[in-house]
């Protein structure tokens, strides 16, 4: 699926979930998982599995899980921007995760 097709889907998805209340901030939990992975000495392939497994096990918001799954289908240079945009739309505030951004920046290089 091209990025041009993914962006409208993500925007529609973000709009549709904005009416739901997210009990805990699953976006921050995703950021925490990326940070734990970066702070460990795991090899990249183990760190990737750690991230995916922990997101599935620790994030309870279906909306956040869907957002993360959707960005994994996007091109590497768009992943963080799309996830950040979804988080800000849902949370109605600025959201950042420097560790997540750095992880995706490394994948591009």
PDB file of N, CA and C in Angstrom:
ATOM      1  N   UNK A   1       0.853  -1.172   0.000  1.00  0.00           N
ATOM      2  CA  UNK A   1       0.000   0.000   0.000  1.00  0.00           C
ATOM      3  C   UNK A   1       0.897   1.233   0.000  1.00  0.00           C
ATOM      4  N   UNK A   2       0.628   2.160  -0.874  1.00  0.00           N
ATOM      5  CA  UNK A   2       1.474   3.343  -0.957  1.00  0.00           C
ATOM      6  C   UNK A   2       1.162   4.297   0.188  1.00  0.00           C
ATOM      7  N   UNK A   3       2.131   5.180   0.465  1.00  0.00           N
ATOM      8  CA  UNK A   3       1.951   6.155   1.545  1.00  0.00           C
ATOM      9  C   UNK A   3       0.772   7.070   1.276  1.00  0.00           C
ATOM     10  N   UNK A   4       0.503   7.373   0.005  1.00  0.00           N
ATOM     11  CA  UNK A   4      -0.619   8.247  -0.312  1.00  0.00           C
ATOM     12  C   UNK A   4      -1.943   7.612   0.065  1.00  0.00           C
ATOM     13  N   UNK A   5      -2.023   6.289   0.021  1.00  0.00           N
ATOM     14  CA  UNK A   5      -3.238   5.592   0.421  1.00  0.00           C
ATOM     15  C   UNK A   5      -3.303   5.441   1.934  1.00  0.00           C
ATOM     16  N   UNK A   6      -2.165   5.308   2.589  1.00  0.00           N
ATOM     17  CA  UNK A   6      -2.128   5.104   4.032  1.00  0.00           C
ATOM     18  C   UNK A   6      -2.541   6.369   4.778  1.00  0.00           C
ATOM     19  N   UNK A   7      -2.100   7.531   4.316  1.00  0.00           N
ATOM     20  CA  UNK A   7      -2.374   8.777   5.035  1.00  0.00           C
ATOM     21  C   UNK A   7      -3.871   9.034   5.188  1.00  0.00           C
ATOM     22  N   UNK A   8      -4.702   8.967   4.125  1.00  0.00           N
ATOM     23  CA  UNK A   8      -6.140   9.181   4.340  1.00  0.00           C
ATOM     24  C   UNK A   8      -6.762   8.143   5.265  1.00  0.00           C
ATOM     25  N   UNK A   9      -6.289   6.915   5.180  1.00  0.00           N
ATOM     26  CA  UNK A   9      -6.806   5.861   6.058  1.00  0.00           C
ATOM     27  C   UNK A   9      -6.477   6.196   7.508  1.00  0.00           C
ATOM     28  N   UNK A  10      -5.239   6.621   7.765  1.00  0.00           N
ATOM     29  CA  UNK A  10      -4.851   6.979   9.127  1.00  0.00           C
ATOM     30  C   UNK A  10      -5.630   8.193   9.628  1.00  0.00           C
ATOM     31  N   UNK A  11      -5.838   9.169   8.765  1.00  0.00           N
ATOM     32  CA  UNK A  11      -6.602  10.349   9.172  1.00  0.00           C
ATOM     33  C   UNK A  11      -8.039   9.984   9.504  1.00  0.00           C
ATOM     34  N   UNK A  12      -8.643   9.149   8.684  1.00  0.00           N
ATOM     35  CA  UNK A  12     -10.011   8.701   8.949  1.00  0.00           C
ATOM     36  C   UNK A  12     -10.054   7.886  10.233  1.00  0.00           C
ATOM     37  N   UNK A  13      -9.087   7.010  10.408  1.00  0.00           N
ATOM     38  CA  UNK A  13      -9.016   6.212  11.620  1.00  0.00           C
ATOM     39  C   UNK A  13      -8.857   7.109  12.847  1.00  0.00           C
ATOM     40  N   UNK A  14      -7.947   8.090  12.776  1.00  0.00           N
ATOM     41  CA  UNK A  14      -7.710   8.978  13.920  1.00  0.00           C
ATOM     42  C   UNK A  14      -8.963   9.777  14.253  1.00  0.00           C
ATOM     43  N   UNK A  15      -9.671  10.233  13.232  1.00  0.00           N
ATOM     44  CA  UNK A  15     -10.906  10.980  13.469  1.00  0.00           C
ATOM     45  C   UNK A  15     -11.949  10.095  14.142  1.00  0.00           C
ATOM     46  N   UNK A  16     -12.070   8.863  13.667  1.00  0.00           N
ATOM     47  CA  UNK A  16     -13.103   7.978  14.211  1.00  0.00           C
ATOM     48  C   UNK A  16     -12.831   7.598  15.655  1.00  0.00           C
ATOM     49  N   UNK A  17     -11.567   7.490  16.057  1.00  0.00           N
ATOM     50  CA  UNK A  17     -11.283   7.109  17.442  1.00  0.00           C
ATOM     51  C   UNK A  17     -11.271   8.305  18.378  1.00  0.00           C
ATOM     52  N   UNK A  18     -11.301   9.510  17.849  1.00  0.00           N
ATOM     53  CA  UNK A  18     -11.207  10.682  18.721  1.00  0.00           C
ATOM     54  C   UNK A  18     -12.406  10.808  19.642  1.00  0.00           C
ATOM     55  N   UNK A  19     -13.511  10.155  19.328  1.00  0.00           N
ATOM     56  CA  UNK A  19     -14.681  10.216  20.188  1.00  0.00           C
ATOM     57  C   UNK A  19     -14.581   9.242  21.354  1.00  0.00           C
ATOM     58  N   UNK A  20     -13.622   8.329  21.319  1.00  0.00           N
ATOM     59  CA  UNK A  20     -13.450   7.360  22.392  1.00  0.00           C
ATOM     60  C   UNK A  20     -12.487   7.900  23.440  1.00  0.00           C
ATOM     61  N   UNK A  21     -12.690   7.465  24.665  1.00  0.00           N
ATOM     62  CA  UNK A  21     -11.788   7.838  25.750  1.00  0.00           C
ATOM     63  C   UNK A  21     -10.731   6.753  25.884  1.00  0.00           C
ATOM     64  N   UNK A  22      -9.481   7.139  25.913  1.00  0.00           N
ATOM     65  CA  UNK A  22      -8.397   6.186  26.112  1.00  0.00           C
ATOM     66  C   UNK A  22      -8.051   6.215  27.593  1.00  0.00           C
ATOM     67  N   UNK A  23      -8.319   5.089  28.271  1.00  0.00           N
ATOM     68  CA  UNK A  23      -8.178   5.023  29.723  1.00  0.00           C
ATOM     69  C   UNK A  23      -6.765   5.404  30.167  1.00  0.00           C
ATOM     70  N   UNK A  24      -5.796   4.717  29.677  1.00  0.00           N
ATOM     71  CA  UNK A  24      -4.437   5.118  29.992  1.00  0.00           C
ATOM     72  C   UNK A  24      -3.808   5.594  28.705  1.00  0.00           C
ATOM     73  N   UNK A  25      -2.761   6.323  28.839  1.00  0.00           N
ATOM     74  CA  UNK A  25      -2.135   6.867  27.640  1.00  0.00           C
ATOM     75  C   UNK A  25      -1.263   5.791  27.006  1.00  0.00           C
ATOM     76  N   UNK A  26      -1.864   5.002  26.153  1.00  0.00           N
ATOM     77  CA  UNK A  26      -1.146   3.934  25.472  1.00  0.00           C
ATOM     78  C   UNK A  26      -0.015   4.450  24.609  1.00  0.00           C
ATOM     79  N   UNK A  27      -0.132   5.697  24.143  1.00  0.00           N
ATOM     80  CA  UNK A  27       0.939   6.273  23.340  1.00  0.00           C
ATOM     81  C   UNK A  27       2.209   6.417  24.178  1.00  0.00           C
ATOM     82  N   UNK A  28       2.057   6.835  25.434  1.00  0.00           N
ATOM     83  CA  UNK A  28       3.219   6.940  26.316  1.00  0.00           C
ATOM     84  C   UNK A  28       3.777   5.562  26.659  1.00  0.00           C
ATOM     85  N   UNK A  29       2.912   4.575  26.766  1.00  0.00           N
ATOM     86  CA  UNK A  29       3.372   3.204  27.035  1.00  0.00           C
ATOM     87  C   UNK A  29       4.212   2.695  25.861  1.00  0.00           C
ATOM     88  N   UNK A  30       3.788   2.973  24.638  1.00  0.00           N
ATOM     89  CA  UNK A  30       4.575   2.593  23.457  1.00  0.00           C
ATOM     90  C   UNK A  30       5.941   3.269  23.519  1.00  0.00           C
ATOM     91  N   UNK A  31       5.949   4.551  23.862  1.00  0.00           N
ATOM     92  CA  UNK A  31       7.215   5.274  23.976  1.00  0.00           C
ATOM     93  C   UNK A  31       8.108   4.630  25.034  1.00  0.00           C
ATOM     94  N   UNK A  32       7.529   4.269  26.159  1.00  0.00           N
ATOM     95  CA  UNK A  32       8.286   3.630  27.239  1.00  0.00           C
ATOM     96  C   UNK A  32       8.917   2.318  26.757  1.00  0.00           C
ATOM     97  N   UNK A  33       8.184   1.557  25.979  1.00  0.00           N
ATOM     98  CA  UNK A  33       8.692   0.281  25.463  1.00  0.00           C
ATOM     99  C   UNK A  33       9.870   0.513  24.523  1.00  0.00           C
ATOM    100  N   UNK A  34       9.755   1.506  23.633  1.00  0.00           N
ATOM    101  CA  UNK A  34      10.879   1.835  22.750  1.00  0.00           C
ATOM    102  C   UNK A  34      12.089   2.281  23.566  1.00  0.00           C
ATOM    103  N   UNK A  35      11.851   3.048  24.637  1.00  0.00           N
ATOM    104  CA  UNK A  35      12.941   3.531  25.486  1.00  0.00           C
ATOM    105  C   UNK A  35      13.618   2.375  26.212  1.00  0.00           C
ATOM    106  N   UNK A  36      12.842   1.447  26.751  1.00  0.00           N
ATOM    107  CA  UNK A  36      13.413   0.265  27.407  1.00  0.00           C
ATOM    108  C   UNK A  36      14.297  -0.514  26.445  1.00  0.00           C
ATOM    109  N   UNK A  37      13.820  -0.664  25.226  1.00  0.00           N
ATOM    110  CA  UNK A  37      14.580  -1.401  24.223  1.00  0.00           C
ATOM    111  C   UNK A  37      15.906  -0.702  23.921  1.00  0.00           C
ATOM    112  N   UNK A  38      15.838   0.609  23.753  1.00  0.00           N
ATOM    113  CA  UNK A  38      17.055   1.365  23.430  1.00  0.00           C
ATOM    114  C   UNK A  38      18.053   1.329  24.573  1.00  0.00           C
ATOM    115  N   UNK A  39      17.556   1.363  25.808  1.00  0.00           N
ATOM    116  CA  UNK A  39      18.437   1.388  26.977  1.00  0.00           C
ATOM    117  C   UNK A  39      19.036   0.023  27.311  1.00  0.00           C
ATOM    118  N   UNK A  40      18.588  -0.995  26.623  1.00  0.00           N
ATOM    119  CA  UNK A  40      19.125  -2.336  26.866  1.00  0.00           C
ATOM    120  C   UNK A  40      20.319  -2.583  25.940  1.00  0.00           C
ATOM    121  N   UNK A  41      20.952  -3.692  26.137  1.00  0.00           N
ATOM    122  CA  UNK A  41      22.075  -4.049  25.260  1.00  0.00           C
ATOM    123  C   UNK A  41      21.665  -5.127  24.259  1.00  0.00           C
ATOM    124  N   UNK A  42      20.362  -5.219  23.997  1.00  0.00           N
ATOM    125  CA  UNK A  42      19.862  -6.249  23.075  1.00  0.00           C
ATOM    126  C   UNK A  42      20.321  -5.974  21.638  1.00  0.00           C
ATOM    127  N   UNK A  43      20.638  -7.025  20.911  1.00  0.00           N
ATOM    128  CA  UNK A  43      20.880  -6.859  19.471  1.00  0.00           C
ATOM    129  C   UNK A  43      19.590  -6.374  18.792  1.00  0.00           C
ATOM    130  N   UNK A  44      19.696  -5.755  17.643  1.00  0.00           N
ATOM    131  CA  UNK A  44      18.558  -5.133  16.963  1.00  0.00           C
ATOM    132  C   UNK A  44      17.414  -6.109  16.707  1.00  0.00           C
ATOM    133  N   UNK A  45      17.725  -7.348  16.308  1.00  0.00           N
ATOM    134  CA  UNK A  45      16.649  -8.305  16.016  1.00  0.00           C
ATOM    135  C   UNK A  45      15.890  -8.703  17.286  1.00  0.00           C
ATOM    136  N   UNK A  46      16.587  -8.796  18.407  1.00  0.00           N
ATOM    137  CA  UNK A  46      15.933  -9.121  19.688  1.00  0.00           C
ATOM    138  C   UNK A  46      15.162  -7.900  20.184  1.00  0.00           C
ATOM    139  N   UNK A  47      15.739  -6.720  19.996  1.00  0.00           N
ATOM    140  CA  UNK A  47      15.065  -5.488  20.418  1.00  0.00           C
ATOM    141  C   UNK A  47      13.758  -5.301  19.655  1.00  0.00           C
ATOM    142  N   UNK A  48      13.762  -5.599  18.370  1.00  0.00           N
ATOM    143  CA  UNK A  48      12.537  -5.479  17.565  1.00  0.00           C
ATOM    144  C   UNK A  48      11.461  -6.424  18.080  1.00  0.00           C
ATOM    145  N   UNK A  49      11.842  -7.647  18.386  1.00  0.00           N
ATOM    146  CA  UNK A  49      10.880  -8.613  18.933  1.00  0.00           C
ATOM    147  C   UNK A  49      10.397  -8.156  20.306  1.00  0.00           C
ATOM    148  N   UNK A  50      11.299  -7.637  21.124  1.00  0.00           N
ATOM    149  CA  UNK A  50      10.929  -7.123  22.443  1.00  0.00           C
ATOM    150  C   UNK A  50       9.864  -6.024  22.308  1.00  0.00           C
ATOM    151  N   UNK A  51      10.086  -5.103  21.389  1.00  0.00           N
ATOM    152  CA  UNK A  51       9.136  -4.001  21.175  1.00  0.00           C
ATOM    153  C   UNK A  51       7.777  -4.548  20.769  1.00  0.00           C
ATOM    154  N   UNK A  52       7.753  -5.390  19.760  1.00  0.00           N
ATOM    155  CA  UNK A  52       6.471  -5.900  19.257  1.00  0.00           C
ATOM    156  C   UNK A  52       5.740  -6.728  20.318  1.00  0.00           C
ATOM    157  N   UNK A  53       6.449  -7.599  21.011  1.00  0.00           N
ATOM    158  CA  UNK A  53       5.830  -8.437  22.046  1.00  0.00           C
ATOM    159  C   UNK A  53       5.272  -7.591  23.184  1.00  0.00           C
ATOM    160  N   UNK A  54       6.053  -6.613  23.632  1.00  0.00           N
ATOM    161  CA  UNK A  54       5.612  -5.792  24.758  1.00  0.00           C
ATOM    162  C   UNK A  54       4.473  -4.851  24.394  1.00  0.00           C
ATOM    163  N   UNK A  55       4.456  -4.358  23.178  1.00  0.00           N
ATOM    164  CA  UNK A  55       3.323  -3.538  22.762  1.00  0.00           C
ATOM    165  C   UNK A  55       2.058  -4.384  22.794  1.00  0.00           C
ATOM    166  N   UNK A  56       2.125  -5.593  22.271  1.00  0.00           N
ATOM    167  CA  UNK A  56       0.964  -6.484  22.272  1.00  0.00           C
ATOM    168  C   UNK A  56       0.516  -6.843  23.685  1.00  0.00           C
ATOM    169  N   UNK A  57       1.459  -7.019  24.600  1.00  0.00           N
ATOM    170  CA  UNK A  57       1.140  -7.462  25.954  1.00  0.00           C
ATOM    171  C   UNK A  57       0.808  -6.337  26.927  1.00  0.00           C
ATOM    172  N   UNK A  58       1.357  -5.159  26.717  1.00  0.00           N
ATOM    173  CA  UNK A  58       1.202  -4.086  27.709  1.00  0.00           C
ATOM    174  C   UNK A  58       0.262  -2.962  27.309  1.00  0.00           C
ATOM    175  N   UNK A  59       0.086  -2.749  26.031  1.00  0.00           N
ATOM    176  CA  UNK A  59      -0.794  -1.660  25.589  1.00  0.00           C
ATOM    177  C   UNK A  59      -2.207  -2.210  25.503  1.00  0.00           C
ATOM    178  N   UNK A  60      -3.116  -1.594  26.229  1.00  0.00           N
ATOM    179  CA  UNK A  60      -4.491  -2.098  26.297  1.00  0.00           C
ATOM    180  C   UNK A  60      -5.431  -1.392  25.326  1.00  0.00           C
ATOM    181  N   UNK A  61      -5.048  -0.241  24.845  1.00  0.00           N
ATOM    182  CA  UNK A  61      -5.910   0.516  23.942  1.00  0.00           C
ATOM    183  C   UNK A  61      -5.857  -0.073  22.529  1.00  0.00           C
ATOM    184  N   UNK A  62      -7.002  -0.536  22.047  1.00  0.00           N
ATOM    185  CA  UNK A  62      -7.062  -1.070  20.680  1.00  0.00           C
ATOM    186  C   UNK A  62      -6.684   0.001  19.665  1.00  0.00           C
ATOM    187  N   UNK A  63      -7.048   1.233  19.955  1.00  0.00           N
ATOM    188  CA  UNK A  63      -6.765   2.332  19.038  1.00  0.00           C
ATOM    189  C   UNK A  63      -5.258   2.555  18.898  1.00  0.00           C
ATOM    190  N   UNK A  64      -4.541   2.500  20.014  1.00  0.00           N
ATOM    191  CA  UNK A  64      -3.088   2.693  19.979  1.00  0.00           C
ATOM    192  C   UNK A  64      -2.427   1.504  19.281  1.00  0.00           C
ATOM    193  N   UNK A  65      -2.910   0.300  19.564  1.00  0.00           N
ATOM    194  CA  UNK A  65      -2.381  -0.886  18.883  1.00  0.00           C
ATOM    195  C   UNK A  65      -2.586  -0.783  17.378  1.00  0.00           C
ATOM    196  N   UNK A  66      -3.765  -0.319  16.964  1.00  0.00           N
ATOM    197  CA  UNK A  66      -4.046  -0.165  15.536  1.00  0.00           C
ATOM    198  C   UNK A  66      -3.160   0.911  14.915  1.00  0.00           C
ATOM    199  N   UNK A  67      -2.932   1.991  15.642  1.00  0.00           N
ATOM    200  CA  UNK A  67      -2.061   3.053  15.119  1.00  0.00           C
ATOM    201  C   UNK A  67      -0.646   2.527  14.923  1.00  0.00           C
ATOM    202  N   UNK A  68      -0.147   1.764  15.892  1.00  0.00           N
ATOM    203  CA  UNK A  68       1.214   1.232  15.771  1.00  0.00           C
ATOM    204  C   UNK A  68       1.297   0.236  14.620  1.00  0.00           C
ATOM    205  N   UNK A  69       0.293  -0.612  14.504  1.00  0.00           N
ATOM    206  CA  UNK A  69       0.279  -1.572  13.397  1.00  0.00           C
ATOM    207  C   UNK A  69       0.254  -0.852  12.052  1.00  0.00           C
ATOM    208  N   UNK A  70      -0.529   0.198  11.966  1.00  0.00           N
ATOM    209  CA  UNK A  70      -0.630   0.959  10.703  1.00  0.00           C
ATOM    210  C   UNK A  70       0.697   1.603  10.330  1.00  0.00           C
ATOM    211  N   UNK A  71       1.400   2.170  11.301  1.00  0.00           N
ATOM    212  CA  UNK A  71       2.664   2.827  10.948  1.00  0.00           C
ATOM    213  C   UNK A  71       3.723   1.835  10.524  1.00  0.00           C
ATOM    214  N   UNK A  72       3.612   0.608  10.997  1.00  0.00           N
ATOM    215  CA  UNK A  72       4.597  -0.390  10.597  1.00  0.00           C
ATOM    216  C   UNK A  72       4.444  -0.762   9.121  1.00  0.00           C
ATOM    217  N   UNK A  73       3.319  -0.409   8.525  1.00  0.00           N
ATOM    218  CA  UNK A  73       3.097  -0.650   7.100  1.00  0.00           C
ATOM    219  C   UNK A  73       3.596   0.518   6.250  1.00  0.00           C
ATOM    220  N   UNK A  74       3.875   1.659   6.889  1.00  0.00           N
ATOM    221  CA  UNK A  74       4.333   2.850   6.172  1.00  0.00           C
ATOM    222  C   UNK A  74       5.838   2.778   5.926  1.00  0.00           C
ATOM    223  N   UNK A  75       6.312   3.653   5.068  1.00  0.00           N
ATOM    224  CA  UNK A  75       7.744   3.762   4.816  1.00  0.00           C
ATOM    225  C   UNK A  75       8.413   4.274   6.087  1.00  0.00           C
ATOM    226  N   UNK A  76       9.646   3.846   6.327  1.00  0.00           N
ATOM    227  CA  UNK A  76      10.363   4.186   7.549  1.00  0.00           C
ATOM    228  C   UNK A  76      10.425   5.658   7.865  1.00  0.00           C
ATOM    229  N   UNK A  77      10.618   6.507   6.855  1.00  0.00           N
ATOM    230  CA  UNK A  77      10.757   7.933   7.123  1.00  0.00           C
ATOM    231  C   UNK A  77       9.440   8.604   7.491  1.00  0.00           C
ATOM    232  N   UNK A  78       8.323   7.908   7.352  1.00  0.00           N
ATOM    233  CA  UNK A  78       7.022   8.473   7.709  1.00  0.00           C
ATOM    234  C   UNK A  78       6.451   7.895   8.998  1.00  0.00           C
ATOM    235  N   UNK A  79       7.033   6.852   9.498  1.00  0.00           N
ATOM    236  CA  UNK A  79       6.447   6.141  10.634  1.00  0.00           C
ATOM    237  C   UNK A  79       6.263   7.026  11.866  1.00  0.00           C
ATOM    238  N   UNK A  80       7.319   7.687  12.291  1.00  0.00           N
ATOM    239  CA  UNK A  80       7.215   8.491  13.505  1.00  0.00           C
ATOM    240  C   UNK A  80       6.233   9.642  13.311  1.00  0.00           C
ATOM    241  N   UNK A  81       6.294  10.305  12.185  1.00  0.00           N
ATOM    242  CA  UNK A  81       5.397  11.432  11.918  1.00  0.00           C
ATOM    243  C   UNK A  81       3.939  10.997  11.964  1.00  0.00           C
ATOM    244  N   UNK A  82       3.632   9.848  11.384  1.00  0.00           N
ATOM    245  CA  UNK A  82       2.257   9.347  11.397  1.00  0.00           C
ATOM    246  C   UNK A  82       1.801   8.968  12.807  1.00  0.00           C
ATOM    247  N   UNK A  83       2.666   8.295  13.572  1.00  0.00           N
ATOM    248  CA  UNK A  83       2.295   7.904  14.937  1.00  0.00           C
ATOM    249  C   UNK A  83       2.132   9.138  15.816  1.00  0.00           C
ATOM    250  N   UNK A  84       3.043  10.082  15.690  1.00  0.00           N
ATOM    251  CA  UNK A  84       2.979  11.334  16.453  1.00  0.00           C
ATOM    252  C   UNK A  84       1.695  12.086  16.121  1.00  0.00           C
ATOM    253  N   UNK A  85       1.345  12.153  14.844  1.00  0.00           N
ATOM    254  CA  UNK A  85       0.114  12.828  14.427  1.00  0.00           C
ATOM    255  C   UNK A  85      -1.122  12.156  15.006  1.00  0.00           C
ATOM    256  N   UNK A  86      -1.142  10.836  15.020  1.00  0.00           N
ATOM    257  CA  UNK A  86      -2.270  10.107  15.605  1.00  0.00           C
ATOM    258  C   UNK A  86      -2.360  10.386  17.102  1.00  0.00           C
ATOM    259  N   UNK A  87      -1.220  10.346  17.781  1.00  0.00           N
ATOM    260  CA  UNK A  87      -1.202  10.598  19.234  1.00  0.00           C
ATOM    261  C   UNK A  87      -1.722  12.004  19.530  1.00  0.00           C
ATOM    262  N   UNK A  88      -1.242  12.977  18.808  1.00  0.00           N
ATOM    263  CA  UNK A  88      -1.656  14.368  19.062  1.00  0.00           C
ATOM    264  C   UNK A  88      -3.127  14.581  18.753  1.00  0.00           C
ATOM    265  N   UNK A  89      -3.621  13.922  17.720  1.00  0.00           N
ATOM    266  CA  UNK A  89      -5.037  14.051  17.380  1.00  0.00           C
ATOM    267  C   UNK A  89      -5.912  13.465  18.489  1.00  0.00           C
ATOM    268  N   UNK A  90      -5.550  12.288  18.949  1.00  0.00           N
ATOM    269  CA  UNK A  90      -6.339  11.601  19.974  1.00  0.00           C
ATOM    270  C   UNK A  90      -6.208  12.306  21.323  1.00  0.00           C
ATOM    271  N   UNK A  91      -4.978  12.671  21.693  1.00  0.00           N
ATOM    272  CA  UNK A  91      -4.737  13.252  23.012  1.00  0.00           C
ATOM    273  C   UNK A  91      -5.078  14.736  23.089  1.00  0.00           C
ATOM    274  N   UNK A  92      -5.209  15.378  21.931  1.00  0.00           N
ATOM    275  CA  UNK A  92      -5.519  16.817  21.868  1.00  0.00           C
ATOM    276  C   UNK A  92      -4.428  17.651  22.543  1.00  0.00           C
ATOM    277  N   UNK A  93      -3.187  17.202  22.388  1.00  0.00           N
ATOM    278  CA  UNK A  93      -2.038  17.927  22.928  1.00  0.00           C
ATOM    279  C   UNK A  93      -0.790  17.485  22.167  1.00  0.00           C
ATOM    280  N   UNK A  94       0.277  18.225  22.365  1.00  0.00           N
ATOM    281  CA  UNK A  94       1.553  17.858  21.754  1.00  0.00           C
ATOM    282  C   UNK A  94       2.059  16.565  22.380  1.00  0.00           C
ATOM    283  N   UNK A  95       2.575  15.694  21.553  1.00  0.00           N
ATOM    284  CA  UNK A  95       3.130  14.420  22.019  1.00  0.00           C
ATOM    285  C   UNK A  95       4.440  14.195  21.295  1.00  0.00           C
ATOM    286  N   UNK A  96       5.451  13.732  22.024  1.00  0.00           N
ATOM    287  CA  UNK A  96       6.760  13.431  21.447  1.00  0.00           C
ATOM    288  C   UNK A  96       7.333  12.186  22.093  1.00  0.00           C
ATOM    289  N   UNK A  97       8.124  11.474  21.323  1.00  0.00           N
ATOM    290  CA  UNK A  97       8.889  10.344  21.854  1.00  0.00           C
ATOM    291  C   UNK A  97      10.212  10.307  21.091  1.00  0.00           C
ATOM    292  N   UNK A  98      11.211  10.960  21.673  1.00  0.00           N
ATOM    293  CA  UNK A  98      12.492  11.082  20.974  1.00  0.00           C
ATOM    294  C   UNK A  98      13.132   9.723  20.707  1.00  0.00           C
ATOM    295  N   UNK A  99      12.919   8.763  21.609  1.00  0.00           N
ATOM    296  CA  UNK A  99      13.496   7.433  21.415  1.00  0.00           C
ATOM    297  C   UNK A  99      12.863   6.735  20.213  1.00  0.00           C
ATOM    298  N   UNK A 100      11.561   6.846  20.085  1.00  0.00           N
ATOM    299  CA  UNK A 100      10.864   6.232  18.953  1.00  0.00           C
ATOM    300  C   UNK A 100      11.324   6.882  17.647  1.00  0.00           C
ATOM    301  N   UNK A 101      11.431   8.202  17.649  1.00  0.00           N
ATOM    302  CA  UNK A 101      11.891   8.923  16.455  1.00  0.00           C
ATOM    303  C   UNK A 101      13.299   8.468  16.082  1.00  0.00           C
ATOM    304  N   UNK A 102      14.176   8.379  17.067  1.00  0.00           N
ATOM    305  CA  UNK A 102      15.552   7.957  16.817  1.00  0.00           C
ATOM    306  C   UNK A 102      15.594   6.525  16.270  1.00  0.00           C
ATOM    307  N   UNK A 103      14.739   5.668  16.792  1.00  0.00           N
ATOM    308  CA  UNK A 103      14.699   4.275  16.310  1.00  0.00           C
ATOM    309  C   UNK A 103      14.340   4.233  14.840  1.00  0.00           C
ATOM    310  N   UNK A 104      13.327   4.988  14.441  1.00  0.00           N
ATOM    311  CA  UNK A 104      12.921   4.989  13.036  1.00  0.00           C
ATOM    312  C   UNK A 104      13.939   5.698  12.168  1.00  0.00           C
ATOM    313  N   UNK A 105      14.623   6.712  12.696  1.00  0.00           N
ATOM    314  CA  UNK A 105      15.675   7.377  11.929  1.00  0.00           C
ATOM    315  C   UNK A 105      16.820   6.423  11.635  1.00  0.00           C
ATOM    316  N   UNK A 106      17.154   5.565  12.589  1.00  0.00           N
ATOM    317  CA  UNK A 106      18.232   4.579  12.397  1.00  0.00           C
ATOM    318  C   UNK A 106      17.843   3.564  11.330  1.00  0.00           C
ATOM    319  N   UNK A 107      16.569   3.150  11.322  1.00  0.00           N
ATOM    320  CA  UNK A 107      16.096   2.165  10.346  1.00  0.00           C
ATOM    321  C   UNK A 107      16.229   2.686   8.912  1.00  0.00           C
ATOM    322  N   UNK A 108      16.099   3.992   8.733  1.00  0.00           N
ATOM    323  CA  UNK A 108      16.149   4.586   7.398  1.00  0.00           C
ATOM    324  C   UNK A 108      17.562   4.563   6.853  1.00  0.00           C
ATOM    325  N   UNK A 109      18.540   4.756   7.710  1.00  0.00           N
ATOM    326  CA  UNK A 109      19.948   4.870   7.273  1.00  0.00           C
ATOM    327  C   UNK A 109      20.541   3.575   6.881  1.00  0.00           C
TER     328      UNK A 109
END
